Amino acid sequence: MNCRFGALIFAGLLLIPTGCNYSKKAASFSRLPTSAMMVSAFTASPQRYIAERHKFEIIAPESDLQKSWESTAAYCGTLQCEVVSSSITTRAGDSMPSGIISLRVAPDDLKRLLGFVEKLGKSVQHTTEREDKTIAVVDTEAKIKNLTSFRDNLRAMLSKPAATVKDLVEIQKQLTDTQSELDSETAQRKILSNETEKIAVEVSFRVERPNGNAGGFAQIWNALRESGAILADSTASLITTIVAIIPWLVLIVPAVWLLAKVWKRLKLRRNRAILPPTSPAAS
């Protein structure tokens, strides 16, 4: 009975389309290379899967920066569009405020979105990138098809009345591994669909730095502000140096005092050695 059921499993596996990544148990069966199949499917289907990206850099007045950033997200909500990520920074010291927003929009609404973005300020850069994802899509779809067929065959084997406990354990393990891989490939296909069915748009907002031809009072104010910053930095450096030296003063002050005392004694002995001794007659 076990031999007959084993032959049934072997025959079922041989009927499964090849090319997918089976688990370690299934690896003992012959696996045909899939490159020829992928090339054939790629050349047979005229449909192409292209991932398109647009990057904009907009210069807007500082007073309108946040409003432009918010209006882009709001306008995206009126289209077949979704906000993937967004961030904005305010002025901090010498750093200028800026904002960035990443979107995914349907191809039919791309022109409307780009036209809206270009009106938010001065467009200084527009970069377009396209990447062909056709091979990746075809490969992933073939794996999903083969894994689905393999899973269905394993489920059919589980329903056989002649299966022993050992056979059921082996089939269940194969089924678990196959389902896990199928879920992974399905998630990858969803990612590819999101990349190829919608267009990625990234809009960065920045404020133009003031040029060096500002008025006299502005230059004086900038100089005073920079001098204040320099003074603060110098004071901070001085305080840091003093704090770093204080622990060493415990050793330096006694050492200097001891050296001065030794030097004084040596000098006194030297003077005594130089002076001639006084005679008794003179006394």
C-alpha atoms as a PDB file:
ATOM      1  CA  MET A   1       0.000   0.000   0.000  1.00  0.00           C
ATOM      2  CA  ASN A   2       2.823   2.411   0.887  1.00  0.00           C
ATOM      3  CA  CYS A   3       4.620   1.613  -2.348  1.00  0.00           C
ATOM      4  CA  ARG A   4       1.501   2.370  -4.387  1.00  0.00           C
ATOM      5  CA  PHE A   5       0.996   5.686  -2.604  1.00  0.00           C
ATOM      6  CA  GLY A   6       4.668   6.576  -3.026  1.00  0.00           C
ATOM      7  CA  ALA A   7       4.392   5.941  -6.753  1.00  0.00           C
ATOM      8  CA  LEU A   8       1.316   8.174  -6.834  1.00  0.00           C
ATOM      9  CA  ILE A   9       3.221  11.049  -5.173  1.00  0.00           C
ATOM     10  CA  PHE A  10       6.126  10.648  -7.594  1.00  0.00           C
ATOM     11  CA  ALA A  11       3.796  10.669 -10.600  1.00  0.00           C
ATOM     12  CA  GLY A  12       1.989  13.733  -9.302  1.00  0.00           C
ATOM     13  CA  LEU A  13       5.207  15.670  -8.853  1.00  0.00           C
ATOM     14  CA  LEU A  14       6.375  14.801 -12.359  1.00  0.00           C
ATOM     15  CA  LEU A  15       3.169  16.320 -13.761  1.00  0.00           C
ATOM     16  CA  ILE A  16       3.817  19.644 -12.039  1.00  0.00           C
ATOM     17  CA  PRO A  17       5.245  22.410 -14.273  1.00  0.00           C
ATOM     18  CA  THR A  18       8.913  22.909 -13.589  1.00  0.00           C
ATOM     19  CA  GLY A  19      10.850  26.095 -12.922  1.00  0.00           C
ATOM     20  CA  CYS A  20       9.784  27.049  -9.374  1.00  0.00           C
ATOM     21  CA  ASN A  21      11.857  26.835  -6.256  1.00  0.00           C
ATOM     22  CA  TYR A  22      10.532  23.848  -4.363  1.00  0.00           C
ATOM     23  CA  SER A  23      11.441  22.989  -0.778  1.00  0.00           C
ATOM     24  CA  LYS A  24      14.393  20.775   0.120  1.00  0.00           C
ATOM     25  CA  LYS A  25      12.298  17.593  -0.162  1.00  0.00           C
ATOM     26  CA  ALA A  26      11.105  18.506  -3.654  1.00  0.00           C
ATOM     27  CA  ALA A  27      14.656  19.361  -4.714  1.00  0.00           C
ATOM     28  CA  SER A  28      15.364  15.637  -5.240  1.00  0.00           C
ATOM     29  CA  PHE A  29      13.166  15.709  -8.353  1.00  0.00           C
ATOM     30  CA  SER A  30      14.504  17.010 -11.638  1.00  0.00           C
ATOM     31  CA  ARG A  31      14.184  20.785 -12.032  1.00  0.00           C
ATOM     32  CA  LEU A  32      14.449  22.175 -15.541  1.00  0.00           C
ATOM     33  CA  PRO A  33      16.041  25.629 -16.055  1.00  0.00           C
ATOM     34  CA  THR A  34      13.528  28.425 -16.503  1.00  0.00           C
ATOM     35  CA  SER A  35      15.604  30.904 -18.521  1.00  0.00           C
ATOM     36  CA  ALA A  36      14.337  29.612 -21.855  1.00  0.00           C
ATOM     37  CA  MET A  37      10.749  29.682 -20.602  1.00  0.00           C
ATOM     38  CA  MET A  38      11.156  33.269 -19.316  1.00  0.00           C
ATOM     39  CA  VAL A  39      12.659  34.490 -22.606  1.00  0.00           C
ATOM     40  CA  SER A  40       9.889  32.775 -24.556  1.00  0.00           C
ATOM     41  CA  ALA A  41       7.174  34.361 -22.428  1.00  0.00           C
ATOM     42  CA  PHE A  42       8.912  37.733 -22.582  1.00  0.00           C
ATOM     43  CA  THR A  43       9.122  37.746 -26.387  1.00  0.00           C
ATOM     44  CA  ALA A  44       5.652  36.266 -26.888  1.00  0.00           C
ATOM     45  CA  SER A  45       3.772  38.946 -24.929  1.00  0.00           C
ATOM     46  CA  PRO A  46       3.801  42.481 -26.396  1.00  0.00           C
ATOM     47  CA  GLN A  47       2.829  44.038 -23.051  1.00  0.00           C
ATOM     48  CA  ARG A  48       5.601  45.942 -21.337  1.00  0.00           C
ATOM     49  CA  TYR A  49       5.794  46.801 -17.651  1.00  0.00           C
ATOM     50  CA  ILE A  50       7.593  50.115 -17.153  1.00  0.00           C
ATOM     51  CA  ALA A  51       8.324  51.759 -13.800  1.00  0.00           C
ATOM     52  CA  GLU A  52       8.325  55.547 -14.321  1.00  0.00           C
ATOM     53  CA  ARG A  53       9.559  58.175 -11.852  1.00  0.00           C
ATOM     54  CA  HIS A  54       9.473  61.975 -11.904  1.00  0.00           C
ATOM     55  CA  LYS A  55      11.505  64.221  -9.611  1.00  0.00           C
ATOM     56  CA  PHE A  56      10.733  67.925  -9.257  1.00  0.00           C
ATOM     57  CA  GLU A  57      12.637  70.659  -7.457  1.00  0.00           C
ATOM     58  CA  ILE A  58      10.556  73.747  -6.772  1.00  0.00           C
ATOM     59  CA  ILE A  59      11.802  77.073  -5.363  1.00  0.00           C
ATOM     60  CA  ALA A  60       9.054  78.843  -3.441  1.00  0.00           C
ATOM     61  CA  PRO A  61       8.986  81.918  -1.192  1.00  0.00           C
ATOM     62  CA  GLU A  62       9.633  81.069   2.421  1.00  0.00           C
ATOM     63  CA  SER A  63       6.224  82.384   3.428  1.00  0.00           C
ATOM     64  CA  ASP A  64       4.515  80.040   0.914  1.00  0.00           C
ATOM     65  CA  LEU A  65       6.654  76.939   1.471  1.00  0.00           C
ATOM     66  CA  GLN A  66       4.401  75.108   3.926  1.00  0.00           C
ATOM     67  CA  LYS A  67       1.273  76.137   2.041  1.00  0.00           C
ATOM     68  CA  SER A  68       2.676  74.719  -1.208  1.00  0.00           C
ATOM     69  CA  TRP A  69       3.684  71.506   0.541  1.00  0.00           C
ATOM     70  CA  GLU A  70       0.234  71.045   2.075  1.00  0.00           C
ATOM     71  CA  SER A  71      -1.620  71.949  -1.117  1.00  0.00           C
ATOM     72  CA  THR A  72       0.291  69.256  -3.044  1.00  0.00           C
ATOM     73  CA  ALA A  73      -0.905  66.573  -0.637  1.00  0.00           C
ATOM     74  CA  ALA A  74      -4.436  67.962  -0.726  1.00  0.00           C
ATOM     75  CA  TYR A  75      -4.523  68.052  -4.545  1.00  0.00           C
ATOM     76  CA  CYS A  76      -3.253  64.463  -4.652  1.00  0.00           C
ATOM     77  CA  GLY A  77      -6.379  63.460  -2.722  1.00  0.00           C
ATOM     78  CA  THR A  78      -8.575  64.713  -5.552  1.00  0.00           C
ATOM     79  CA  LEU A  79      -6.897  62.410  -8.106  1.00  0.00           C
ATOM     80  CA  GLN A  80      -6.102  58.725  -8.429  1.00  0.00           C
ATOM     81  CA  CYS A  81      -3.098  59.429  -6.259  1.00  0.00           C
ATOM     82  CA  GLU A  82      -1.665  58.457  -2.879  1.00  0.00           C
ATOM     83  CA  VAL A  83       0.908  60.088  -0.608  1.00  0.00           C
ATOM     84  CA  VAL A  84       3.761  57.668   0.085  1.00  0.00           C
ATOM     85  CA  SER A  85       5.797  59.892   2.400  1.00  0.00           C
ATOM     86  CA  SER A  86       6.251  63.566   3.263  1.00  0.00           C
ATOM     87  CA  SER A  87       8.387  65.762   5.524  1.00  0.00           C
ATOM     88  CA  ILE A  88       9.053  69.447   6.110  1.00  0.00           C
ATOM     89  CA  THR A  89      11.744  71.325   8.059  1.00  0.00           C
ATOM     90  CA  THR A  90      11.644  74.871   9.362  1.00  0.00           C
ATOM     91  CA  ARG A  91      14.445  77.426   9.544  1.00  0.00           C
ATOM     92  CA  ALA A  92      17.045  76.563  12.178  1.00  0.00           C
ATOM     93  CA  GLY A  93      20.041  78.874  12.414  1.00  0.00           C
ATOM     94  CA  ASP A  94      21.650  79.164   9.012  1.00  0.00           C
ATOM     95  CA  SER A  95      19.783  76.168   7.549  1.00  0.00           C
ATOM     96  CA  MET A  96      17.029  77.083   5.137  1.00  0.00           C
ATOM     97  CA  PRO A  97      13.512  75.571   5.388  1.00  0.00           C
ATOM     98  CA  SER A  98      12.628  72.799   2.968  1.00  0.00           C
ATOM     99  CA  GLY A  99       9.992  70.183   2.271  1.00  0.00           C
ATOM    100  CA  ILE A 100       9.609  66.962   0.304  1.00  0.00           C
ATOM    101  CA  ILE A 101       6.644  64.805  -0.655  1.00  0.00           C
ATOM    102  CA  SER A 102       6.544  61.455  -2.493  1.00  0.00           C
ATOM    103  CA  LEU A 103       3.434  60.436  -4.425  1.00  0.00           C
ATOM    104  CA  ARG A 104       2.145  57.661  -6.651  1.00  0.00           C
ATOM    105  CA  VAL A 105      -0.338  58.719  -9.284  1.00  0.00           C
ATOM    106  CA  ALA A 106      -2.260  56.926 -12.020  1.00  0.00           C
ATOM    107  CA  PRO A 107      -0.939  57.599 -15.557  1.00  0.00           C
ATOM    108  CA  ASP A 108      -4.205  59.288 -16.569  1.00  0.00           C
ATOM    109  CA  ASP A 109      -3.786  61.922 -13.817  1.00  0.00           C
ATOM    110  CA  LEU A 110      -0.045  62.491 -14.212  1.00  0.00           C
ATOM    111  CA  LYS A 111      -0.384  65.488 -16.520  1.00  0.00           C
ATOM    112  CA  ARG A 112      -2.807  67.232 -14.162  1.00  0.00           C
ATOM    113  CA  LEU A 113      -0.548  66.659 -11.165  1.00  0.00           C
ATOM    114  CA  LEU A 114       2.562  67.914 -12.957  1.00  0.00           C
ATOM    115  CA  GLY A 115       0.718  71.010 -14.154  1.00  0.00           C
ATOM    116  CA  PHE A 116      -0.363  71.787 -10.587  1.00  0.00           C
ATOM    117  CA  VAL A 117       3.146  71.300  -9.179  1.00  0.00           C
ATOM    118  CA  GLU A 118       4.745  73.590 -11.751  1.00  0.00           C
ATOM    119  CA  LYS A 119       2.465  76.450 -10.649  1.00  0.00           C
ATOM    120  CA  LEU A 120       3.602  76.279  -7.009  1.00  0.00           C
ATOM    121  CA  GLY A 121       6.852  78.130  -7.643  1.00  0.00           C
ATOM    122  CA  LYS A 122       9.884  78.222  -9.880  1.00  0.00           C
ATOM    123  CA  SER A 123      10.671  74.776 -11.274  1.00  0.00           C
ATOM    124  CA  VAL A 124      14.472  74.481 -11.410  1.00  0.00           C
ATOM    125  CA  GLN A 125      14.736  70.746 -12.088  1.00  0.00           C
ATOM    126  CA  HIS A 126      12.579  67.995 -13.562  1.00  0.00           C
ATOM    127  CA  THR A 127      14.087  64.523 -13.881  1.00  0.00           C
ATOM    128  CA  THR A 128      12.327  61.580 -15.540  1.00  0.00           C
ATOM    129  CA  GLU A 129      13.442  57.966 -15.090  1.00  0.00           C
ATOM    130  CA  ARG A 130      12.039  54.795 -16.669  1.00  0.00           C
ATOM    131  CA  GLU A 131      12.947  51.207 -15.831  1.00  0.00           C
ATOM    132  CA  ASP A 132      11.721  48.123 -17.694  1.00  0.00           C
ATOM    133  CA  LYS A 133      10.288  45.608 -15.208  1.00  0.00           C
ATOM    134  CA  THR A 134       8.837  43.232 -17.802  1.00  0.00           C
ATOM    135  CA  ILE A 135      11.233  40.342 -17.149  1.00  0.00           C
ATOM    136  CA  ALA A 136      10.720  40.600 -13.385  1.00  0.00           C
ATOM    137  CA  VAL A 137       6.922  40.609 -13.785  1.00  0.00           C
ATOM    138  CA  VAL A 138       6.902  37.644 -16.197  1.00  0.00           C
ATOM    139  CA  ASP A 139       9.267  35.684 -13.959  1.00  0.00           C
ATOM    140  CA  THR A 140       7.192  36.361 -10.839  1.00  0.00           C
ATOM    141  CA  GLU A 141       3.923  35.454 -12.550  1.00  0.00           C
ATOM    142  CA  ALA A 142       5.409  32.167 -13.809  1.00  0.00           C
ATOM    143  CA  LYS A 143       6.567  31.296 -10.292  1.00  0.00           C
ATOM    144  CA  ILE A 144       3.128  32.095  -8.874  1.00  0.00           C
ATOM    145  CA  LYS A 145       1.475  29.880 -11.492  1.00  0.00           C
ATOM    146  CA  ASN A 146       3.799  26.941 -10.862  1.00  0.00           C
ATOM    147  CA  LEU A 147       3.642  27.254  -7.075  1.00  0.00           C
ATOM    148  CA  THR A 148      -0.160  27.436  -7.186  1.00  0.00           C
ATOM    149  CA  SER A 149      -0.320  24.247  -9.273  1.00  0.00           C
ATOM    150  CA  PHE A 150       2.142  22.518  -6.935  1.00  0.00           C
ATOM    151  CA  ARG A 151       0.112  23.566  -3.876  1.00  0.00           C
ATOM    152  CA  ASP A 152      -3.144  22.321  -5.397  1.00  0.00           C
ATOM    153  CA  ASN A 153      -1.581  18.928  -6.192  1.00  0.00           C
ATOM    154  CA  LEU A 154      -0.318  18.627  -2.629  1.00  0.00           C
ATOM    155  CA  ARG A 155      -3.780  19.420  -1.280  1.00  0.00           C
ATOM    156  CA  ALA A 156      -5.229  16.724  -3.529  1.00  0.00           C
ATOM    157  CA  MET A 157      -2.703  14.223  -2.155  1.00  0.00           C
ATOM    158  CA  LEU A 158      -3.766  15.039   1.402  1.00  0.00           C
ATOM    159  CA  SER A 159      -7.312  13.955   0.577  1.00  0.00           C
ATOM    160  CA  LYS A 160      -6.237  10.472  -0.593  1.00  0.00           C
ATOM    161  CA  PRO A 161      -7.699   7.843   1.791  1.00  0.00           C
ATOM    162  CA  ALA A 162      -4.697   5.558   1.355  1.00  0.00           C
ATOM    163  CA  ALA A 163      -2.214   8.081   2.809  1.00  0.00           C
ATOM    164  CA  THR A 164      -0.346   6.982   5.932  1.00  0.00           C
ATOM    165  CA  VAL A 165       0.578   9.221   8.837  1.00  0.00           C
ATOM    166  CA  LYS A 166       4.168   9.476   7.600  1.00  0.00           C
ATOM    167  CA  ASP A 167       3.006  10.407   4.102  1.00  0.00           C
ATOM    168  CA  LEU A 168       0.628  13.019   5.502  1.00  0.00           C
ATOM    169  CA  VAL A 169       3.408  14.610   7.577  1.00  0.00           C
ATOM    170  CA  GLU A 170       5.726  14.829   4.568  1.00  0.00           C
ATOM    171  CA  ILE A 171       3.013  16.266   2.319  1.00  0.00           C
ATOM    172  CA  GLN A 172       1.936  18.774   4.966  1.00  0.00           C
ATOM    173  CA  LYS A 173       5.525  20.005   5.324  1.00  0.00           C
ATOM    174  CA  GLN A 174       5.801  20.399   1.551  1.00  0.00           C
ATOM    175  CA  LEU A 175       2.468  22.222   1.517  1.00  0.00           C
ATOM    176  CA  THR A 176       3.547  24.651   4.258  1.00  0.00           C
ATOM    177  CA  ASP A 177       6.831  25.495   2.519  1.00  0.00           C
ATOM    178  CA  THR A 178       5.109  25.921  -0.836  1.00  0.00           C
ATOM    179  CA  GLN A 179       2.408  28.188   0.595  1.00  0.00           C
ATOM    180  CA  SER A 180       5.046  30.342   2.299  1.00  0.00           C
ATOM    181  CA  GLU A 181       6.954  30.786  -0.956  1.00  0.00           C
ATOM    182  CA  LEU A 182       3.734  31.458  -2.840  1.00  0.00           C
ATOM    183  CA  ASP A 183       2.819  34.222  -0.382  1.00  0.00           C
ATOM    184  CA  SER A 184       6.261  35.786  -0.843  1.00  0.00           C
ATOM    185  CA  GLU A 185       5.980  35.779  -4.635  1.00  0.00           C
ATOM    186  CA  THR A 186       2.434  37.182  -4.448  1.00  0.00           C
ATOM    187  CA  ALA A 187       3.657  40.062  -2.276  1.00  0.00           C
ATOM    188  CA  GLN A 188       6.481  40.734  -4.735  1.00  0.00           C
ATOM    189  CA  ARG A 189       3.963  40.821  -7.598  1.00  0.00           C
ATOM    190  CA  LYS A 190       1.903  43.435  -5.711  1.00  0.00           C
ATOM    191  CA  ILE A 191       5.021  45.578  -5.314  1.00  0.00           C
ATOM    192  CA  LEU A 192       5.749  45.308  -9.025  1.00  0.00           C
ATOM    193  CA  SER A 193       2.138  46.198  -9.809  1.00  0.00           C
ATOM    194  CA  ASN A 194       2.377  49.310  -7.670  1.00  0.00           C
ATOM    195  CA  GLU A 195       5.586  50.337  -9.430  1.00  0.00           C
ATOM    196  CA  THR A 196       4.339  49.741 -12.975  1.00  0.00           C
ATOM    197  CA  GLU A 197       0.654  50.658 -12.748  1.00  0.00           C
ATOM    198  CA  LYS A 198       1.274  53.967 -10.963  1.00  0.00           C
ATOM    199  CA  ILE A 199       3.897  56.633 -11.571  1.00  0.00           C
ATOM    200  CA  ALA A 200       6.156  57.783  -8.761  1.00  0.00           C
ATOM    201  CA  VAL A 201       6.423  61.562  -8.342  1.00  0.00           C
ATOM    202  CA  GLU A 202       8.800  63.198  -5.851  1.00  0.00           C
ATOM    203  CA  VAL A 203       8.504  66.943  -5.261  1.00  0.00           C
ATOM    204  CA  SER A 204      11.100  68.775  -3.181  1.00  0.00           C
ATOM    205  CA  PHE A 205      10.536  72.379  -2.095  1.00  0.00           C
ATOM    206  CA  ARG A 206      13.298  74.746  -1.084  1.00  0.00           C
ATOM    207  CA  VAL A 207      13.804  78.441  -0.469  1.00  0.00           C
ATOM    208  CA  GLU A 208      16.307  80.350  -2.561  1.00  0.00           C
ATOM    209  CA  ARG A 209      19.179  81.698  -0.495  1.00  0.00           C
ATOM    210  CA  PRO A 210      19.600  85.470  -0.552  1.00  0.00           C
ATOM    211  CA  ASN A 211      22.376  86.621  -2.870  1.00  0.00           C
ATOM    212  CA  GLY A 212      25.376  88.673  -1.850  1.00  0.00           C
ATOM    213  CA  ASN A 213      23.981  91.913  -3.350  1.00  0.00           C
ATOM    214  CA  ALA A 214      21.671  92.660  -0.446  1.00  0.00           C
ATOM    215  CA  GLY A 215      21.270  96.185   0.876  1.00  0.00           C
ATOM    216  CA  GLY A 216      23.788  97.838   3.179  1.00  0.00           C
ATOM    217  CA  PHE A 217      21.706  97.432   6.321  1.00  0.00           C
ATOM    218  CA  ALA A 218      21.115  93.759   5.522  1.00  0.00           C
ATOM    219  CA  GLN A 219      24.849  93.210   5.104  1.00  0.00           C
ATOM    220  CA  ILE A 220      25.549  94.941   8.428  1.00  0.00           C
ATOM    221  CA  TRP A 221      22.901  92.841  10.141  1.00  0.00           C
ATOM    222  CA  ASN A 222      24.325  89.636   8.649  1.00  0.00           C
ATOM    223  CA  ALA A 223      27.825  90.648   9.770  1.00  0.00           C
ATOM    224  CA  LEU A 224      26.616  91.347  13.330  1.00  0.00           C
ATOM    225  CA  ARG A 225      24.763  88.070  13.432  1.00  0.00           C
ATOM    226  CA  GLU A 226      27.807  86.172  12.192  1.00  0.00           C
ATOM    227  CA  SER A 227      30.119  87.982  14.647  1.00  0.00           C
ATOM    228  CA  GLY A 228      27.779  87.062  17.494  1.00  0.00           C
ATOM    229  CA  ALA A 229      27.890  83.444  16.426  1.00  0.00           C
ATOM    230  CA  ILE A 230      31.689  83.544  16.201  1.00  0.00           C
ATOM    231  CA  LEU A 231      31.923  85.121  19.669  1.00  0.00           C
ATOM    232  CA  ALA A 232      29.621  82.476  21.108  1.00  0.00           C
ATOM    233  CA  ASP A 233      31.680  79.700  19.526  1.00  0.00           C
ATOM    234  CA  SER A 234      34.931  81.183  20.859  1.00  0.00           C
ATOM    235  CA  THR A 235      33.492  81.556  24.363  1.00  0.00           C
ATOM    236  CA  ALA A 236      32.259  77.995  24.304  1.00  0.00           C
ATOM    237  CA  SER A 237      35.691  76.780  23.198  1.00  0.00           C
ATOM    238  CA  LEU A 238      37.378  78.759  25.995  1.00  0.00           C
ATOM    239  CA  ILE A 239      35.021  77.337  28.625  1.00  0.00           C
ATOM    240  CA  THR A 240      35.646  73.832  27.332  1.00  0.00           C
ATOM    241  CA  THR A 241      39.415  74.361  27.525  1.00  0.00           C
ATOM    242  CA  ILE A 242      39.243  75.701  31.086  1.00  0.00           C
ATOM    243  CA  VAL A 243      37.068  72.820  32.236  1.00  0.00           C
ATOM    244  CA  ALA A 244      39.491  70.373  30.642  1.00  0.00           C
ATOM    245  CA  ILE A 245      42.508  71.991  32.399  1.00  0.00           C
ATOM    246  CA  ILE A 246      40.969  72.221  35.917  1.00  0.00           C
ATOM    247  CA  PRO A 247      41.626  68.547  36.860  1.00  0.00           C
ATOM    248  CA  TRP A 248      45.270  68.946  35.875  1.00  0.00           C
ATOM    249  CA  LEU A 249      45.729  71.995  38.114  1.00  0.00           C
ATOM    250  CA  VAL A 250      45.751  69.672  41.141  1.00  0.00           C
ATOM    251  CA  LEU A 251      49.001  68.226  39.810  1.00  0.00           C
ATOM    252  CA  ILE A 252      50.425  71.241  38.000  1.00  0.00           C
ATOM    253  CA  VAL A 253      50.270  73.783  40.897  1.00  0.00           C
ATOM    254  CA  PRO A 254      52.079  71.594  43.487  1.00  0.00           C
ATOM    255  CA  ALA A 255      54.632  70.576  40.875  1.00  0.00           C
ATOM    256  CA  VAL A 256      55.381  74.192  39.962  1.00  0.00           C
ATOM    257  CA  TRP A 257      55.655  75.161  43.661  1.00  0.00           C
ATOM    258  CA  LEU A 258      58.024  72.252  44.347  1.00  0.00           C
ATOM    259  CA  LEU A 259      60.197  73.084  41.334  1.00  0.00           C
ATOM    260  CA  ALA A 260      60.385  76.731  42.373  1.00  0.00           C
ATOM    261  CA  LYS A 261      61.449  75.757  45.891  1.00  0.00           C
ATOM    262  CA  VAL A 262      64.112  73.355  44.642  1.00  0.00           C
ATOM    263  CA  TRP A 263      65.373  75.955  42.195  1.00  0.00           C
ATOM    264  CA  LYS A 264      65.623  78.529  44.999  1.00  0.00           C
ATOM    265  CA  ARG A 265      67.665  76.176  47.182  1.00  0.00           C
ATOM    266  CA  LEU A 266      69.977  75.272  44.343  1.00  0.00           C
ATOM    267  CA  LYS A 267      70.509  78.949  43.565  1.00  0.00           C
ATOM    268  CA  LEU A 268      71.279  79.706  47.238  1.00  0.00           C
ATOM    269  CA  ARG A 269      73.854  76.911  47.415  1.00  0.00           C
ATOM    270  CA  ARG A 270      75.429  78.119  44.234  1.00  0.00           C
ATOM    271  CA  ASN A 271      75.775  81.654  45.592  1.00  0.00           C
ATOM    272  CA  ARG A 272      77.377  80.364  48.771  1.00  0.00           C
ATOM    273  CA  ALA A 273      79.854  78.352  46.772  1.00  0.00           C
ATOM    274  CA  ILE A 274      80.850  81.408  44.721  1.00  0.00           C
ATOM    275  CA  LEU A 275      81.340  83.818  47.637  1.00  0.00           C
ATOM    276  CA  PRO A 276      84.960  83.664  49.164  1.00  0.00           C
ATOM    277  CA  PRO A 277      85.198  82.630  52.805  1.00  0.00           C
ATOM    278  CA  THR A 278      85.847  85.442  55.343  1.00  0.00           C
ATOM    279  CA  SER A 279      89.307  85.410  57.155  1.00  0.00           C
ATOM    280  CA  PRO A 280      89.623  85.597  61.025  1.00  0.00           C
ATOM    281  CA  ALA A 281      91.792  88.744  60.816  1.00  0.00           C
ATOM    282  CA  ALA A 282      89.101  90.556  58.989  1.00  0.00           C
ATOM    283  CA  SER A 283      86.679  89.665  61.680  1.00  0.00           C
END
